[in-house]
Amino acid sequence: MTKHSVSGWAFADNSKELAADAYKTYQEVKALDKVNILKQKVAYGKNEFEVETPIPLSPYSLLVFCDRGNGCFGGTVEELPQNRYRVIVYTD
């Protein structure tokens, strides 16, 4: 199982462009209607999701989808068996 780190963009000089790209990516993934959120756990500083998708998506796309078009603080995406992923979105 591989774990990927996704960098945040909240404090980048081009944060407005990165925010627009994140929202566009979210809309594209949402339109596929192929990502199912199976579990969600909310904690201080992070939200954890378990998702399932039969199609290959980048860690960035999965993270932005779970964060509904944001992802400004980044997070991690871990590959699990059976086309599942553990996505941790940093919120602080």
PDB file of N, CA and C in Angstrom:
ATOM      1  N   MET A   1       0.839  -1.182   0.000  1.00  0.00           N
ATOM      2  CA  MET A   1       0.000   0.000   0.000  1.00  0.00           C
ATOM      3  C   MET A   1       0.883   1.244   0.000  1.00  0.00           C
ATOM      4  N   THR A   2       0.603   2.130  -0.907  1.00  0.00           N
ATOM      5  CA  THR A   2       1.400   3.328  -1.089  1.00  0.00           C
ATOM      6  C   THR A   2       0.690   4.527  -0.480  1.00  0.00           C
ATOM      7  N   LYS A   3       1.467   5.392   0.146  1.00  0.00           N
ATOM      8  CA  LYS A   3       0.919   6.614   0.728  1.00  0.00           C
ATOM      9  C   LYS A   3       1.518   7.808  -0.006  1.00  0.00           C
ATOM     10  N   HIS A   4       0.657   8.716  -0.443  1.00  0.00           N
ATOM     11  CA  HIS A   4       1.074   9.895  -1.188  1.00  0.00           C
ATOM     12  C   HIS A   4       0.794  11.148  -0.362  1.00  0.00           C
ATOM     13  N   SER A   5       1.701  12.095  -0.434  1.00  0.00           N
ATOM     14  CA  SER A   5       1.504  13.387   0.208  1.00  0.00           C
ATOM     15  C   SER A   5       1.056  14.394  -0.850  1.00  0.00           C
ATOM     16  N   VAL A   6       0.039  15.175  -0.513  1.00  0.00           N
ATOM     17  CA  VAL A   6      -0.461  16.214  -1.415  1.00  0.00           C
ATOM     18  C   VAL A   6      -0.199  17.560  -0.755  1.00  0.00           C
ATOM     19  N   SER A   7       0.566  18.388  -1.421  1.00  0.00           N
ATOM     20  CA  SER A   7       0.932  19.696  -0.857  1.00  0.00           C
ATOM     21  C   SER A   7      -0.241  20.661  -0.865  1.00  0.00           C
ATOM     22  N   GLY A   8      -0.293  21.472   0.157  1.00  0.00           N
ATOM     23  CA  GLY A   8      -1.292  22.532   0.220  1.00  0.00           C
ATOM     24  C   GLY A   8      -0.832  23.762  -0.543  1.00  0.00           C
ATOM     25  N   TRP A   9      -1.746  24.676  -0.758  1.00  0.00           N
ATOM     26  CA  TRP A   9      -1.432  25.880  -1.525  1.00  0.00           C
ATOM     27  C   TRP A   9      -1.896  27.161  -0.832  1.00  0.00           C
ATOM     28  N   ALA A  10      -2.356  27.059   0.384  1.00  0.00           N
ATOM     29  CA  ALA A  10      -2.965  28.208   1.066  1.00  0.00           C
ATOM     30  C   ALA A  10      -2.066  29.435   1.126  1.00  0.00           C
ATOM     31  N   PHE A  11      -0.776  29.233   1.236  1.00  0.00           N
ATOM     32  CA  PHE A  11       0.127  30.365   1.414  1.00  0.00           C
ATOM     33  C   PHE A  11       1.021  30.601   0.193  1.00  0.00           C
ATOM     34  N   ALA A  12       0.664  29.987  -0.921  1.00  0.00           N
ATOM     35  CA  ALA A  12       1.440  30.172  -2.156  1.00  0.00           C
ATOM     36  C   ALA A  12       1.153  31.540  -2.769  1.00  0.00           C
ATOM     37  N   ASP A  13       2.122  32.054  -3.500  1.00  0.00           N
ATOM     38  CA  ASP A  13       1.941  33.351  -4.162  1.00  0.00           C
ATOM     39  C   ASP A  13       0.807  33.323  -5.178  1.00  0.00           C
ATOM     40  N   ASN A  14       0.596  32.192  -5.804  1.00  0.00           N
ATOM     41  CA  ASN A  14      -0.461  32.057  -6.822  1.00  0.00           C
ATOM     42  C   ASN A  14      -1.669  31.284  -6.284  1.00  0.00           C
ATOM     43  N   SER A  15      -2.007  31.531  -5.039  1.00  0.00           N
ATOM     44  CA  SER A  15      -3.082  30.770  -4.388  1.00  0.00           C
ATOM     45  C   SER A  15      -4.440  30.921  -5.087  1.00  0.00           C
ATOM     46  N   LYS A  16      -4.712  32.068  -5.690  1.00  0.00           N
ATOM     47  CA  LYS A  16      -5.994  32.242  -6.383  1.00  0.00           C
ATOM     48  C   LYS A  16      -6.098  31.315  -7.590  1.00  0.00           C
ATOM     49  N   GLU A  17      -5.018  31.183  -8.331  1.00  0.00           N
ATOM     50  CA  GLU A  17      -5.017  30.279  -9.483  1.00  0.00           C
ATOM     51  C   GLU A  17      -5.127  28.829  -9.035  1.00  0.00           C
ATOM     52  N   LEU A  18      -4.434  28.492  -7.947  1.00  0.00           N
ATOM     53  CA  LEU A  18      -4.484  27.128  -7.432  1.00  0.00           C
ATOM     54  C   LEU A  18      -5.871  26.797  -6.888  1.00  0.00           C
ATOM     55  N   ALA A  19      -6.526  27.774  -6.284  1.00  0.00           N
ATOM     56  CA  ALA A  19      -7.890  27.568  -5.799  1.00  0.00           C
ATOM     57  C   ALA A  19      -8.836  27.308  -6.965  1.00  0.00           C
ATOM     58  N   ALA A  20      -8.685  28.048  -8.034  1.00  0.00           N
ATOM     59  CA  ALA A  20      -9.528  27.855  -9.214  1.00  0.00           C
ATOM     60  C   ALA A  20      -9.291  26.483  -9.830  1.00  0.00           C
ATOM     61  N   ASP A  21      -8.026  26.056  -9.877  1.00  0.00           N
ATOM     62  CA  ASP A  21      -7.705  24.728 -10.411  1.00  0.00           C
ATOM     63  C   ASP A  21      -8.302  23.625  -9.542  1.00  0.00           C
ATOM     64  N   ALA A  22      -8.223  23.789  -8.232  1.00  0.00           N
ATOM     65  CA  ALA A  22      -8.782  22.784  -7.319  1.00  0.00           C
ATOM     66  C   ALA A  22     -10.290  22.655  -7.527  1.00  0.00           C
ATOM     67  N   TYR A  23     -10.978  23.770  -7.657  1.00  0.00           N
ATOM     68  CA  TYR A  23     -12.430  23.709  -7.845  1.00  0.00           C
ATOM     69  C   TYR A  23     -12.779  23.083  -9.197  1.00  0.00           C
ATOM     70  N   LYS A  24     -12.005  23.393 -10.217  1.00  0.00           N
ATOM     71  CA  LYS A  24     -12.233  22.798 -11.535  1.00  0.00           C
ATOM     72  C   LYS A  24     -12.029  21.279 -11.474  1.00  0.00           C
ATOM     73  N   THR A  25     -10.982  20.848 -10.785  1.00  0.00           N
ATOM     74  CA  THR A  25     -10.723  19.413 -10.627  1.00  0.00           C
ATOM     75  C   THR A  25     -11.869  18.744  -9.882  1.00  0.00           C
ATOM     76  N   TYR A  26     -12.354  19.385  -8.832  1.00  0.00           N
ATOM     77  CA  TYR A  26     -13.500  18.849  -8.083  1.00  0.00           C
ATOM     78  C   TYR A  26     -14.710  18.662  -8.989  1.00  0.00           C
ATOM     79  N   GLN A  27     -15.016  19.659  -9.790  1.00  0.00           N
ATOM     80  CA  GLN A  27     -16.169  19.573 -10.691  1.00  0.00           C
ATOM     81  C   GLN A  27     -16.005  18.419 -11.687  1.00  0.00           C
ATOM     82  N   GLU A  28     -14.797  18.238 -12.197  1.00  0.00           N
ATOM     83  CA  GLU A  28     -14.533  17.161 -13.157  1.00  0.00           C
ATOM     84  C   GLU A  28     -14.707  15.781 -12.512  1.00  0.00           C
ATOM     85  N   VAL A  29     -14.174  15.608 -11.320  1.00  0.00           N
ATOM     86  CA  VAL A  29     -14.290  14.317 -10.631  1.00  0.00           C
ATOM     87  C   VAL A  29     -15.746  14.059 -10.223  1.00  0.00           C
ATOM     88  N   LYS A  30     -16.407  15.081  -9.742  1.00  0.00           N
ATOM     89  CA  LYS A  30     -17.816  14.946  -9.346  1.00  0.00           C
ATOM     90  C   LYS A  30     -18.665  14.531 -10.546  1.00  0.00           C
ATOM     91  N   ALA A  31     -18.406  15.080 -11.720  1.00  0.00           N
ATOM     92  CA  ALA A  31     -19.178  14.769 -12.921  1.00  0.00           C
ATOM     93  C   ALA A  31     -18.994  13.317 -13.364  1.00  0.00           C
ATOM     94  N   LEU A  32     -17.866  12.709 -12.997  1.00  0.00           N
ATOM     95  CA  LEU A  32     -17.641  11.305 -13.352  1.00  0.00           C
ATOM     96  C   LEU A  32     -18.616  10.374 -12.639  1.00  0.00           C
ATOM     97  N   ASP A  33     -19.080  10.793 -11.460  1.00  0.00           N
ATOM     98  CA  ASP A  33     -20.008  10.004 -10.639  1.00  0.00           C
ATOM     99  C   ASP A  33     -19.458   8.607 -10.376  1.00  0.00           C
ATOM    100  N   LYS A  34     -18.159   8.519 -10.111  1.00  0.00           N
ATOM    101  CA  LYS A  34     -17.506   7.232  -9.900  1.00  0.00           C
ATOM    102  C   LYS A  34     -16.778   7.136  -8.563  1.00  0.00           C
ATOM    103  N   VAL A  35     -16.875   8.149  -7.725  1.00  0.00           N
ATOM    104  CA  VAL A  35     -16.198   8.127  -6.434  1.00  0.00           C
ATOM    105  C   VAL A  35     -17.251   8.067  -5.340  1.00  0.00           C
ATOM    106  N   ASN A  36     -17.144   7.039  -4.512  1.00  0.00           N
ATOM    107  CA  ASN A  36     -18.088   6.878  -3.403  1.00  0.00           C
ATOM    108  C   ASN A  36     -17.353   7.083  -2.089  1.00  0.00           C
ATOM    109  N   ILE A  37     -17.873   7.962  -1.248  1.00  0.00           N
ATOM    110  CA  ILE A  37     -17.325   8.142   0.090  1.00  0.00           C
ATOM    111  C   ILE A  37     -18.010   7.128   0.989  1.00  0.00           C
ATOM    112  N   LEU A  38     -17.213   6.187   1.525  1.00  0.00           N
ATOM    113  CA  LEU A  38     -17.748   5.108   2.340  1.00  0.00           C
ATOM    114  C   LEU A  38     -17.794   5.469   3.815  1.00  0.00           C
ATOM    115  N   LYS A  39     -16.770   6.197   4.277  1.00  0.00           N
ATOM    116  CA  LYS A  39     -16.683   6.589   5.688  1.00  0.00           C
ATOM    117  C   LYS A  39     -16.104   7.989   5.782  1.00  0.00           C
ATOM    118  N   GLN A  40     -16.516   8.709   6.813  1.00  0.00           N
ATOM    119  CA  GLN A  40     -15.937  10.026   7.081  1.00  0.00           C
ATOM    120  C   GLN A  40     -15.775  10.183   8.574  1.00  0.00           C
ATOM    121  N   LYS A  41     -14.602  10.635   8.980  1.00  0.00           N
ATOM    122  CA  LYS A  41     -14.304  10.871  10.388  1.00  0.00           C
ATOM    123  C   LYS A  41     -13.750  12.283  10.509  1.00  0.00           C
ATOM    124  N   VAL A  42     -14.348  13.080  11.354  1.00  0.00           N
ATOM    125  CA  VAL A  42     -13.928  14.463  11.553  1.00  0.00           C
ATOM    126  C   VAL A  42     -13.178  14.557  12.875  1.00  0.00           C
ATOM    127  N   ALA A  43     -12.016  15.185  12.842  1.00  0.00           N
ATOM    128  CA  ALA A  43     -11.209  15.379  14.040  1.00  0.00           C
ATOM    129  C   ALA A  43     -10.585  16.769  13.967  1.00  0.00           C
ATOM    130  N   TYR A  44      -9.985  17.194  15.066  1.00  0.00           N
ATOM    131  CA  TYR A  44      -9.346  18.498  15.074  1.00  0.00           C
ATOM    132  C   TYR A  44      -8.175  18.496  14.093  1.00  0.00           C
ATOM    133  N   GLY A  45      -8.172  19.428  13.165  1.00  0.00           N
ATOM    134  CA  GLY A  45      -7.073  19.596  12.234  1.00  0.00           C
ATOM    135  C   GLY A  45      -7.087  18.705  11.014  1.00  0.00           C
ATOM    136  N   LYS A  46      -8.043  17.778  10.953  1.00  0.00           N
ATOM    137  CA  LYS A  46      -8.093  16.900   9.782  1.00  0.00           C
ATOM    138  C   LYS A  46      -9.455  16.232   9.653  1.00  0.00           C
ATOM    139  N   ASN A  47      -9.771  15.877   8.435  1.00  0.00           N
ATOM    140  CA  ASN A  47     -10.939  15.057   8.128  1.00  0.00           C
ATOM    141  C   ASN A  47     -10.426  13.821   7.411  1.00  0.00           C
ATOM    142  N   GLU A  48     -10.909  12.661   7.826  1.00  0.00           N
ATOM    143  CA  GLU A  48     -10.454  11.410   7.233  1.00  0.00           C
ATOM    144  C   GLU A  48     -11.609  10.751   6.485  1.00  0.00           C
ATOM    145  N   PHE A  49     -11.330  10.299   5.282  1.00  0.00           N
ATOM    146  CA  PHE A  49     -12.333   9.669   4.429  1.00  0.00           C
ATOM    147  C   PHE A  49     -11.830   8.317   3.965  1.00  0.00           C
ATOM    148  N   GLU A  50     -12.742   7.390   3.784  1.00  0.00           N
ATOM    149  CA  GLU A  50     -12.435   6.179   3.039  1.00  0.00           C
ATOM    150  C   GLU A  50     -13.301   6.224   1.794  1.00  0.00           C
ATOM    151  N   VAL A  51     -12.654   6.173   0.639  1.00  0.00           N
ATOM    152  CA  VAL A  51     -13.375   6.294  -0.627  1.00  0.00           C
ATOM    153  C   VAL A  51     -13.099   5.083  -1.511  1.00  0.00           C
ATOM    154  N   GLU A  52     -14.008   4.879  -2.436  1.00  0.00           N
ATOM    155  CA  GLU A  52     -13.894   3.782  -3.388  1.00  0.00           C
ATOM    156  C   GLU A  52     -14.146   4.332  -4.779  1.00  0.00           C
ATOM    157  N   THR A  53     -13.308   3.927  -5.736  1.00  0.00           N
ATOM    158  CA  THR A  53     -13.498   4.334  -7.122  1.00  0.00           C
ATOM    159  C   THR A  53     -12.957   3.246  -8.040  1.00  0.00           C
ATOM    160  N   PRO A  54     -13.716   2.870  -9.056  1.00  0.00           N
ATOM    161  CA  PRO A  54     -13.249   1.840  -9.982  1.00  0.00           C
ATOM    162  C   PRO A  54     -12.302   2.377 -11.053  1.00  0.00           C
ATOM    163  N   ILE A  55     -12.118   3.689 -11.097  1.00  0.00           N
ATOM    164  CA  ILE A  55     -11.254   4.284 -12.118  1.00  0.00           C
ATOM    165  C   ILE A  55     -10.024   4.902 -11.450  1.00  0.00           C
ATOM    166  N   PRO A  56      -8.897   4.910 -12.134  1.00  0.00           N
ATOM    167  CA  PRO A  56      -7.698   5.508 -11.539  1.00  0.00           C
ATOM    168  C   PRO A  56      -7.803   7.036 -11.496  1.00  0.00           C
ATOM    169  N   LEU A  57      -7.557   7.584 -10.334  1.00  0.00           N
ATOM    170  CA  LEU A  57      -7.530   9.033 -10.146  1.00  0.00           C
ATOM    171  C   LEU A  57      -6.258   9.393  -9.398  1.00  0.00           C
ATOM    172  N   SER A  58      -5.762  10.583  -9.617  1.00  0.00           N
ATOM    173  CA  SER A  58      -4.549  11.024  -8.932  1.00  0.00           C
ATOM    174  C   SER A  58      -4.861  11.284  -7.454  1.00  0.00           C
ATOM    175  N   PRO A  59      -3.828  11.199  -6.600  1.00  0.00           N
ATOM    176  CA  PRO A  59      -4.036  11.551  -5.195  1.00  0.00           C
ATOM    177  C   PRO A  59      -4.602  12.962  -5.035  1.00  0.00           C
ATOM    178  N   TYR A  60      -4.115  13.907  -5.839  1.00  0.00           N
ATOM    179  CA  TYR A  60      -4.625  15.282  -5.790  1.00  0.00           C
ATOM    180  C   TYR A  60      -6.127  15.326  -6.079  1.00  0.00           C
ATOM    181  N   SER A  61      -6.566  14.615  -7.105  1.00  0.00           N
ATOM    182  CA  SER A  61      -7.985  14.604  -7.471  1.00  0.00           C
ATOM    183  C   SER A  61      -8.842  14.024  -6.360  1.00  0.00           C
ATOM    184  N   LEU A  62      -8.375  12.946  -5.732  1.00  0.00           N
ATOM    185  CA  LEU A  62      -9.131  12.338  -4.634  1.00  0.00           C
ATOM    186  C   LEU A  62      -9.220  13.272  -3.438  1.00  0.00           C
ATOM    187  N   LEU A  63      -8.103  13.931  -3.113  1.00  0.00           N
ATOM    188  CA  LEU A  63      -8.097  14.843  -1.968  1.00  0.00           C
ATOM    189  C   LEU A  63      -9.025  16.032  -2.205  1.00  0.00           C
ATOM    190  N   VAL A  64      -8.937  16.627  -3.375  1.00  0.00           N
ATOM    191  CA  VAL A  64      -9.782  17.783  -3.695  1.00  0.00           C
ATOM    192  C   VAL A  64     -11.254  17.379  -3.731  1.00  0.00           C
ATOM    193  N   PHE A  65     -11.551  16.191  -4.230  1.00  0.00           N
ATOM    194  CA  PHE A  65     -12.938  15.720  -4.244  1.00  0.00           C
ATOM    195  C   PHE A  65     -13.474  15.603  -2.813  1.00  0.00           C
ATOM    196  N   CYS A  66     -12.702  14.971  -1.942  1.00  0.00           N
ATOM    197  CA  CYS A  66     -13.159  14.804  -0.555  1.00  0.00           C
ATOM    198  C   CYS A  66     -13.317  16.142   0.157  1.00  0.00           C
ATOM    199  N   ASP A  67     -12.505  17.126  -0.199  1.00  0.00           N
ATOM    200  CA  ASP A  67     -12.573  18.451   0.428  1.00  0.00           C
ATOM    201  C   ASP A  67     -13.481  19.405  -0.356  1.00  0.00           C
ATOM    202  N   ARG A  68     -14.277  18.858  -1.237  1.00  0.00           N
ATOM    203  CA  ARG A  68     -15.282  19.594  -2.020  1.00  0.00           C
ATOM    204  C   ARG A  68     -14.707  20.824  -2.736  1.00  0.00           C
ATOM    205  N   GLY A  69     -13.562  20.602  -3.397  1.00  0.00           N
ATOM    206  CA  GLY A  69     -12.998  21.663  -4.221  1.00  0.00           C
ATOM    207  C   GLY A  69     -11.994  22.556  -3.541  1.00  0.00           C
ATOM    208  N   ASN A  70     -11.536  22.171  -2.359  1.00  0.00           N
ATOM    209  CA  ASN A  70     -10.605  23.028  -1.641  1.00  0.00           C
ATOM    210  C   ASN A  70      -9.211  22.405  -1.635  1.00  0.00           C
ATOM    211  N   GLY A  71      -8.823  21.774  -0.552  1.00  0.00           N
ATOM    212  CA  GLY A  71      -7.500  21.166  -0.451  1.00  0.00           C
ATOM    213  C   GLY A  71      -6.383  22.137  -0.157  1.00  0.00           C
ATOM    214  N   CYS A  72      -6.714  23.311   0.356  1.00  0.00           N
ATOM    215  CA  CYS A  72      -5.700  24.365   0.521  1.00  0.00           C
ATOM    216  C   CYS A  72      -4.606  24.020   1.528  1.00  0.00           C
ATOM    217  N   PHE A  73      -4.866  23.111   2.455  1.00  0.00           N
ATOM    218  CA  PHE A  73      -3.839  22.739   3.428  1.00  0.00           C
ATOM    219  C   PHE A  73      -3.200  21.394   3.115  1.00  0.00           C
ATOM    220  N   GLY A  74      -3.622  20.756   2.026  1.00  0.00           N
ATOM    221  CA  GLY A  74      -3.026  19.493   1.620  1.00  0.00           C
ATOM    222  C   GLY A  74      -3.521  18.312   2.432  1.00  0.00           C
ATOM    223  N   GLY A  75      -2.758  17.225   2.378  1.00  0.00           N
ATOM    224  CA  GLY A  75      -3.128  16.022   3.105  1.00  0.00           C
ATOM    225  C   GLY A  75      -2.396  14.813   2.565  1.00  0.00           C
ATOM    226  N   THR A  76      -2.935  13.633   2.836  1.00  0.00           N
ATOM    227  CA  THR A  76      -2.337  12.392   2.364  1.00  0.00           C
ATOM    228  C   THR A  76      -3.408  11.506   1.740  1.00  0.00           C
ATOM    229  N   VAL A  77      -2.966  10.641   0.835  1.00  0.00           N
ATOM    230  CA  VAL A  77      -3.845   9.657   0.210  1.00  0.00           C
ATOM    231  C   VAL A  77      -3.109   8.326   0.249  1.00  0.00           C
ATOM    232  N   GLU A  78      -3.744   7.344   0.876  1.00  0.00           N
ATOM    233  CA  GLU A  78      -3.154   6.018   1.009  1.00  0.00           C
ATOM    234  C   GLU A  78      -3.969   5.014   0.218  1.00  0.00           C
ATOM    235  N   GLU A  79      -3.295   4.255  -0.622  1.00  0.00           N
ATOM    236  CA  GLU A  79      -3.967   3.222  -1.397  1.00  0.00           C
ATOM    237  C   GLU A  79      -4.276   2.037  -0.498  1.00  0.00           C
ATOM    238  N   LEU A  80      -5.509   1.546  -0.565  1.00  0.00           N
ATOM    239  CA  LEU A  80      -5.958   0.379   0.178  1.00  0.00           C
ATOM    240  C   LEU A  80      -6.355  -0.704  -0.826  1.00  0.00           C
ATOM    241  N   PRO A  81      -6.583  -1.925  -0.386  1.00  0.00           N
ATOM    242  CA  PRO A  81      -7.035  -2.972  -1.313  1.00  0.00           C
ATOM    243  C   PRO A  81      -8.416  -2.677  -1.904  1.00  0.00           C
ATOM    244  N   GLN A  82      -8.710  -3.301  -3.009  1.00  0.00           N
ATOM    245  CA  GLN A  82     -10.039  -3.289  -3.641  1.00  0.00           C
ATOM    246  C   GLN A  82     -10.491  -1.897  -4.079  1.00  0.00           C
ATOM    247  N   ASN A  83      -9.606  -1.155  -4.748  1.00  0.00           N
ATOM    248  CA  ASN A  83      -9.939   0.163  -5.292  1.00  0.00           C
ATOM    249  C   ASN A  83     -10.407   1.158  -4.235  1.00  0.00           C
ATOM    250  N   ARG A  84      -9.888   1.030  -3.045  1.00  0.00           N
ATOM    251  CA  ARG A  84     -10.235   1.948  -1.957  1.00  0.00           C
ATOM    252  C   ARG A  84      -9.017   2.783  -1.573  1.00  0.00           C
ATOM    253  N   TYR A  85      -9.318   3.939  -0.976  1.00  0.00           N
ATOM    254  CA  TYR A  85      -8.272   4.871  -0.572  1.00  0.00           C
ATOM    255  C   TYR A  85      -8.646   5.494   0.765  1.00  0.00           C
ATOM    256  N   ARG A  86      -7.632   5.765   1.585  1.00  0.00           N
ATOM    257  CA  ARG A  86      -7.826   6.542   2.810  1.00  0.00           C
ATOM    258  C   ARG A  86      -7.295   7.927   2.508  1.00  0.00           C
ATOM    259  N   VAL A  87      -8.168   8.911   2.575  1.00  0.00           N
ATOM    260  CA  VAL A  87      -7.806  10.297   2.266  1.00  0.00           C
ATOM    261  C   VAL A  87      -7.881  11.109   3.547  1.00  0.00           C
ATOM    262  N   ILE A  88      -6.782  11.746   3.896  1.00  0.00           N
ATOM    263  CA  ILE A  88      -6.756  12.630   5.061  1.00  0.00           C
ATOM    264  C   ILE A  88      -6.545  14.047   4.565  1.00  0.00           C
ATOM    265  N   VAL A  89      -7.524  14.897   4.843  1.00  0.00           N
ATOM    266  CA  VAL A  89      -7.499  16.298   4.429  1.00  0.00           C
ATOM    267  C   VAL A  89      -7.142  17.136   5.669  1.00  0.00           C
ATOM    268  N   TYR A  90      -6.054  17.881   5.579  1.00  0.00           N
ATOM    269  CA  TYR A  90      -5.682  18.775   6.672  1.00  0.00           C
ATOM    270  C   TYR A  90      -6.568  20.008   6.637  1.00  0.00           C
ATOM    271  N   THR A  91      -7.059  20.398   7.809  1.00  0.00           N
ATOM    272  CA  THR A  91      -7.972  21.546   7.880  1.00  0.00           C
ATOM    273  C   THR A  91      -7.378  22.730   8.639  1.00  0.00           C
ATOM    274  N   ASP A  92      -6.260  22.555   9.274  1.00  0.00           N
ATOM    275  CA  ASP A  92      -5.588  23.645  10.000  1.00  0.00           C
ATOM    276  C   ASP A  92      -4.124  23.653   9.670  1.00  0.00           C
TER     277      ASP A  92
END
